[in-house]
C-alpha atoms as a PDB file:
ATOM      1  CA  MET A   1     -11.676   4.053   8.219  1.00  0.00           C
ATOM      2  CA  ASN A   2     -11.808   1.526   5.657  1.00  0.00           C
ATOM      3  CA  TYR A   3      -8.429  -0.458   5.351  1.00  0.00           C
ATOM      4  CA  GLU A   4      -8.409  -0.404   1.549  1.00  0.00           C
ATOM      5  CA  VAL A   5      -8.985   3.312   1.477  1.00  0.00           C
ATOM      6  CA  MET A   6      -6.146   3.295   4.083  1.00  0.00           C
ATOM      7  CA  VAL A   7      -3.690   1.624   1.300  1.00  0.00           C
ATOM      8  CA  LYS A   8      -4.966   3.744  -1.592  1.00  0.00           C
ATOM      9  CA  HIS A   9      -4.438   6.863   0.442  1.00  0.00           C
ATOM     10  CA  ILE A  10      -0.849   5.856   1.246  1.00  0.00           C
ATOM     11  CA  LEU A  11       0.005   4.769  -2.178  1.00  0.00           C
ATOM     12  CA  TYR A  12      -1.620   7.819  -3.746  1.00  0.00           C
ATOM     13  CA  GLU A  13       0.817  10.005  -1.101  1.00  0.00           C
ATOM     14  CA  PHE A  14       3.989   8.356  -3.383  1.00  0.00           C
ATOM     15  CA  GLU A  15       2.335   8.789  -6.529  1.00  0.00           C
ATOM     16  CA  VAL A  16       1.216   5.373  -7.090  1.00  0.00           C
ATOM     17  CA  THR A  17      -1.851   5.368  -8.808  1.00  0.00           C
ATOM     18  CA  GLN A  18      -3.954   2.754 -10.812  1.00  0.00           C
ATOM     19  CA  LYS A  19      -2.021   3.201 -13.769  1.00  0.00           C
ATOM     20  CA  TYR A  20       0.568   0.743 -12.440  1.00  0.00           C
ATOM     21  CA  VAL A  21      -0.429  -2.834 -12.598  1.00  0.00           C
ATOM     22  CA  ALA A  22       1.301  -3.341  -9.366  1.00  0.00           C
ATOM     23  CA  TYR A  23      -0.986  -0.970  -8.049  1.00  0.00           C
ATOM     24  CA  LYS A  24      -3.795  -3.527  -7.754  1.00  0.00           C
ATOM     25  CA  TYR A  25      -1.291  -6.412  -6.643  1.00  0.00           C
ATOM     26  CA  ILE A  26      -0.380  -4.230  -3.537  1.00  0.00           C
ATOM     27  CA  LEU A  27      -3.981  -3.611  -2.608  1.00  0.00           C
ATOM     28  CA  LYS A  28      -4.998  -7.331  -3.224  1.00  0.00           C
ATOM     29  CA  GLY A  29      -2.075  -8.066  -0.959  1.00  0.00           C
ATOM     30  CA  MET A  30      -2.556  -5.818   1.911  1.00  0.00           C
ATOM     31  CA  ILE A  31      -6.264  -6.740   1.632  1.00  0.00           C
ATOM     32  CA  LEU A  32      -5.306 -10.483   2.130  1.00  0.00           C
ATOM     33  CA  MET A  33      -2.642 -10.033   4.541  1.00  0.00           C
ATOM     34  CA  ARG A  34      -5.491  -8.227   6.919  1.00  0.00           C
ATOM     35  CA  GLU A  35      -7.908 -11.119   6.323  1.00  0.00           C
ATOM     36  CA  ASN A  36      -5.022 -13.499   7.337  1.00  0.00           C
ATOM     37  CA  ALA A  37      -2.104 -12.390   9.213  1.00  0.00           C
ATOM     38  CA  ASP A  38      -0.526 -15.630   8.117  1.00  0.00           C
ATOM     39  CA  TYR A  39       0.645 -13.833   5.087  1.00  0.00           C
ATOM     40  CA  VAL A  40       2.716 -11.545   6.923  1.00  0.00           C
ATOM     41  CA  GLU A  41       5.890 -14.402   7.098  1.00  0.00           C
ATOM     42  CA  HIS A  42       4.909 -16.165   4.287  1.00  0.00           C
ATOM     43  CA  ILE A  43       4.778 -13.302   1.354  1.00  0.00           C
ATOM     44  CA  THR A  44       6.820 -14.429  -1.323  1.00  0.00           C
ATOM     45  CA  LYS A  45       5.751 -18.153  -0.492  1.00  0.00           C
ATOM     46  CA  THR A  46       1.619 -17.619  -0.156  1.00  0.00           C
ATOM     47  CA  LEU A  47       0.916 -13.973  -0.939  1.00  0.00           C
ATOM     48  CA  TYR A  48       2.676 -13.886  -4.398  1.00  0.00           C
ATOM     49  CA  ILE A  49       0.650 -17.026  -5.389  1.00  0.00           C
ATOM     50  CA  ASP A  50      -2.443 -15.869  -4.203  1.00  0.00           C
ATOM     51  CA  ILE A  51      -2.165 -12.805  -5.794  1.00  0.00           C
ATOM     52  CA  ALA A  52      -0.857 -14.184  -9.368  1.00  0.00           C
ATOM     53  CA  LYS A  53      -3.880 -16.641  -9.176  1.00  0.00           C
ATOM     54  CA  GLU A  54      -6.167 -13.348  -8.767  1.00  0.00           C
ATOM     55  CA  TYR A  55      -4.908 -11.621 -11.584  1.00  0.00           C
ATOM     56  CA  ASN A  56      -4.035 -15.001 -13.895  1.00  0.00           C
ATOM     57  CA  THR A  57      -0.507 -13.747 -13.974  1.00  0.00           C
ATOM     58  CA  SER A  58       2.468 -14.984 -13.221  1.00  0.00           C
ATOM     59  CA  VAL A  59       4.158 -14.956  -9.696  1.00  0.00           C
ATOM     60  CA  ALA A  60       7.321 -13.417 -11.131  1.00  0.00           C
ATOM     61  CA  CYS A  61       5.242 -10.815 -12.853  1.00  0.00           C
ATOM     62  CA  VAL A  62       3.962  -9.808  -9.707  1.00  0.00           C
ATOM     63  CA  GLU A  63       6.968  -9.799  -8.085  1.00  0.00           C
ATOM     64  CA  ARG A  64       8.734  -7.820 -10.613  1.00  0.00           C
ATOM     65  CA  GLY A  65       5.597  -5.451 -10.744  1.00  0.00           C
ATOM     66  CA  ILE A  66       5.569  -4.722  -6.574  1.00  0.00           C
ATOM     67  CA  ARG A  67       9.430  -4.178  -6.674  1.00  0.00           C
ATOM     68  CA  THR A  68       8.967  -1.750  -9.621  1.00  0.00           C
ATOM     69  CA  THR A  69       6.059   0.170  -7.858  1.00  0.00           C
ATOM     70  CA  ILE A  70       8.092   0.198  -4.538  1.00  0.00           C
ATOM     71  CA  GLU A  71      10.890   1.899  -6.302  1.00  0.00           C
ATOM     72  CA  ILE A  72       8.293   4.650  -7.600  1.00  0.00           C
ATOM     73  CA  MET A  73       7.415   4.818  -4.281  1.00  0.00           C
ATOM     74  CA  TRP A  74      10.655   5.564  -3.014  1.00  0.00           C
ATOM     75  CA  ARG A  75      11.910   7.881  -5.684  1.00  0.00           C
ATOM     76  CA  ASN A  76       8.954   9.877  -4.885  1.00  0.00           C
ATOM     77  CA  LYS A  77       9.567   9.888  -0.975  1.00  0.00           C
ATOM     78  CA  GLU A  78      10.019  13.521  -1.116  1.00  0.00           C
ATOM     79  CA  ASN A  79       6.597  14.209  -1.667  1.00  0.00           C
ATOM     80  CA  ASN A  80       5.868  13.210   1.834  1.00  0.00           C
ATOM     81  CA  MET A  81       8.696  12.484   3.732  1.00  0.00           C
ATOM     82  CA  SER A  82       7.289  12.344   7.482  1.00  0.00           C
ATOM     83  CA  LEU A  83       4.612   9.761   6.023  1.00  0.00           C
ATOM     84  CA  PHE A  84       7.672   7.901   4.572  1.00  0.00           C
ATOM     85  CA  THR A  85       9.696   7.872   7.518  1.00  0.00           C
ATOM     86  CA  ASP A  86       6.466   6.887   9.726  1.00  0.00           C
ATOM     87  CA  ILE A  87       6.151   3.751   7.757  1.00  0.00           C
ATOM     88  CA  PHE A  88       9.554   2.798   6.376  1.00  0.00           C
ATOM     89  CA  GLY A  89      11.951   4.324   9.192  1.00  0.00           C
ATOM     90  CA  SER A  90      14.955   6.209   8.342  1.00  0.00           C
ATOM     91  CA  GLN A  91      17.008   3.423   7.803  1.00  0.00           C
ATOM     92  CA  TYR A  92      15.273   3.192   4.086  1.00  0.00           C
ATOM     93  CA  LEU A  93      16.259   6.748   2.896  1.00  0.00           C
ATOM     94  CA  ASP A  94      19.411   5.582   1.212  1.00  0.00           C
ATOM     95  CA  TYR A  95      17.703   2.335  -0.248  1.00  0.00           C
ATOM     96  CA  ARG A  96      14.826   1.016  -1.122  1.00  0.00           C
ATOM     97  CA  PRO A  97      12.906  -1.567   1.051  1.00  0.00           C
ATOM     98  CA  THR A  98      12.706  -5.301  -0.218  1.00  0.00           C
ATOM     99  CA  ASN A  99       9.269  -6.171  -1.266  1.00  0.00           C
ATOM    100  CA  THR A 100       8.935  -8.214   1.848  1.00  0.00           C
ATOM    101  CA  LYS A 101       9.885  -5.662   4.049  1.00  0.00           C
ATOM    102  CA  PHE A 102       7.722  -3.236   2.339  1.00  0.00           C
ATOM    103  CA  PHE A 103       4.405  -5.374   2.747  1.00  0.00           C
ATOM    104  CA  GLN A 104       5.640  -6.170   6.549  1.00  0.00           C
ATOM    105  CA  LEU A 105       6.397  -2.493   7.323  1.00  0.00           C
ATOM    106  CA  MET A 106       2.715  -1.191   5.617  1.00  0.00           C
ATOM    107  CA  TYR A 107       0.759  -3.962   7.295  1.00  0.00           C
ATOM    108  CA  ILE A 108       2.319  -2.874  10.658  1.00  0.00           C
ATOM    109  CA  HIS A 109       1.748   1.009   9.801  1.00  0.00           C
ATOM    110  CA  ILE A 110      -1.966   0.314   8.766  1.00  0.00           C
ATOM    111  CA  GLU A 111      -2.792  -1.914  11.769  1.00  0.00           C
ATOM    112  CA  SER A 112      -1.225   0.989  13.921  1.00  0.00           C
ATOM    113  CA  TYR A 113      -4.475   2.641  13.287  1.00  0.00           C
ATOM    114  CA  ASN A 114      -7.615   1.358  15.281  1.00  0.00           C
ATOM    115  CA  LEU A 115      -9.378   0.492  12.023  1.00  0.00           C
ATOM    116  CA  ASN A 116     -12.657  -0.886  13.412  1.00  0.00           C
ATOM    117  CA  GLU A 117     -13.926   2.633  14.186  1.00  0.00           C
ATOM    118  CA  ALA A 118     -16.361   3.155  11.187  1.00  0.00           C
ATOM    119  CA  ASP A 119     -15.787   6.788  11.496  1.00  0.00           C
ATOM    120  CA  LYS A 120     -12.433   7.478  12.102  1.00  0.00           C
ATOM    121  CA  GLN A 121     -10.984  10.493  10.356  1.00  0.00           C
ATOM    122  CA  CYS A 122      -8.664   9.734   7.735  1.00  0.00           C
ATOM    123  CA  PRO A 123      -5.291  10.298   9.268  1.00  0.00           C
ATOM    124  CA  PHE A 124      -4.499  12.089   5.695  1.00  0.00           C
ATOM    125  CA  TYR A 125      -7.552  14.399   6.367  1.00  0.00           C
ATOM    126  CA  GLY A 126      -7.001  17.053   3.667  1.00  0.00           C
ATOM    127  CA  CYS A 127      -4.817  14.920   1.399  1.00  0.00           C
ATOM    128  CA  GLU A 128      -5.076  15.725  -2.540  1.00  0.00           C
ATOM    129  CA  TYR A 129      -7.002  11.980  -2.509  1.00  0.00           C
ATOM    130  CA  CYS A 130      -9.569  12.731   0.144  1.00  0.00           C
ATOM    131  CA  ILE A 131     -10.238  16.289  -1.644  1.00  0.00           C
ATOM    132  CA  ILE A 132     -10.592  14.410  -4.943  1.00  0.00           C
ATOM    133  CA  SER A 133     -13.317  11.214  -3.511  1.00  0.00           C
ATOM    134  CA  ARG A 134     -15.252  14.124  -2.272  1.00  0.00           C
ATOM    135  CA  GLN A 135     -15.559  15.961  -5.144  1.00  0.00           C
ATOM    136  CA  LEU A 136     -16.220  12.948  -7.272  1.00  0.00           C
ATOM    137  CA  LYS A 137     -19.125  11.890  -4.504  1.00  0.00           C
ATOM    138  CA  CYS A 138     -20.594  15.452  -5.189  1.00  0.00           C
ATOM    139  CA  LEU A 139     -20.732  14.978  -8.748  1.00  0.00           C
ATOM    140  CA  LYS A 140     -23.009  11.880  -8.470  1.00  0.00           C
END
């Protein structure tokens, strides 16, 4: 399964869609981390800067947008509690993870899948995102 699609699935499961500005920041951040694992240890010092350059905005806007989006995901954790605890653990049930912890735990979770297998079935097969994606492909 495609790494980018996997990130989109996770965001979608927590009702984070493209209507949020930070959707693209998180997606880009996760892709950059996949390309260069050094970003995992330098979220605020390098990752935010590169995301801000990519989208011609400030580092503060990137940080604030991501923080707000994580808050939305955290508030929507009830939608998929098992996925939430798989990614973030039970320690974040009472308070949201920091931006850095969010990226690190998302990265670890996604990397735990063997994404090199192009035909690997989506771990969320049957989720609304998959169904909508298949319907859109059928319309083309």
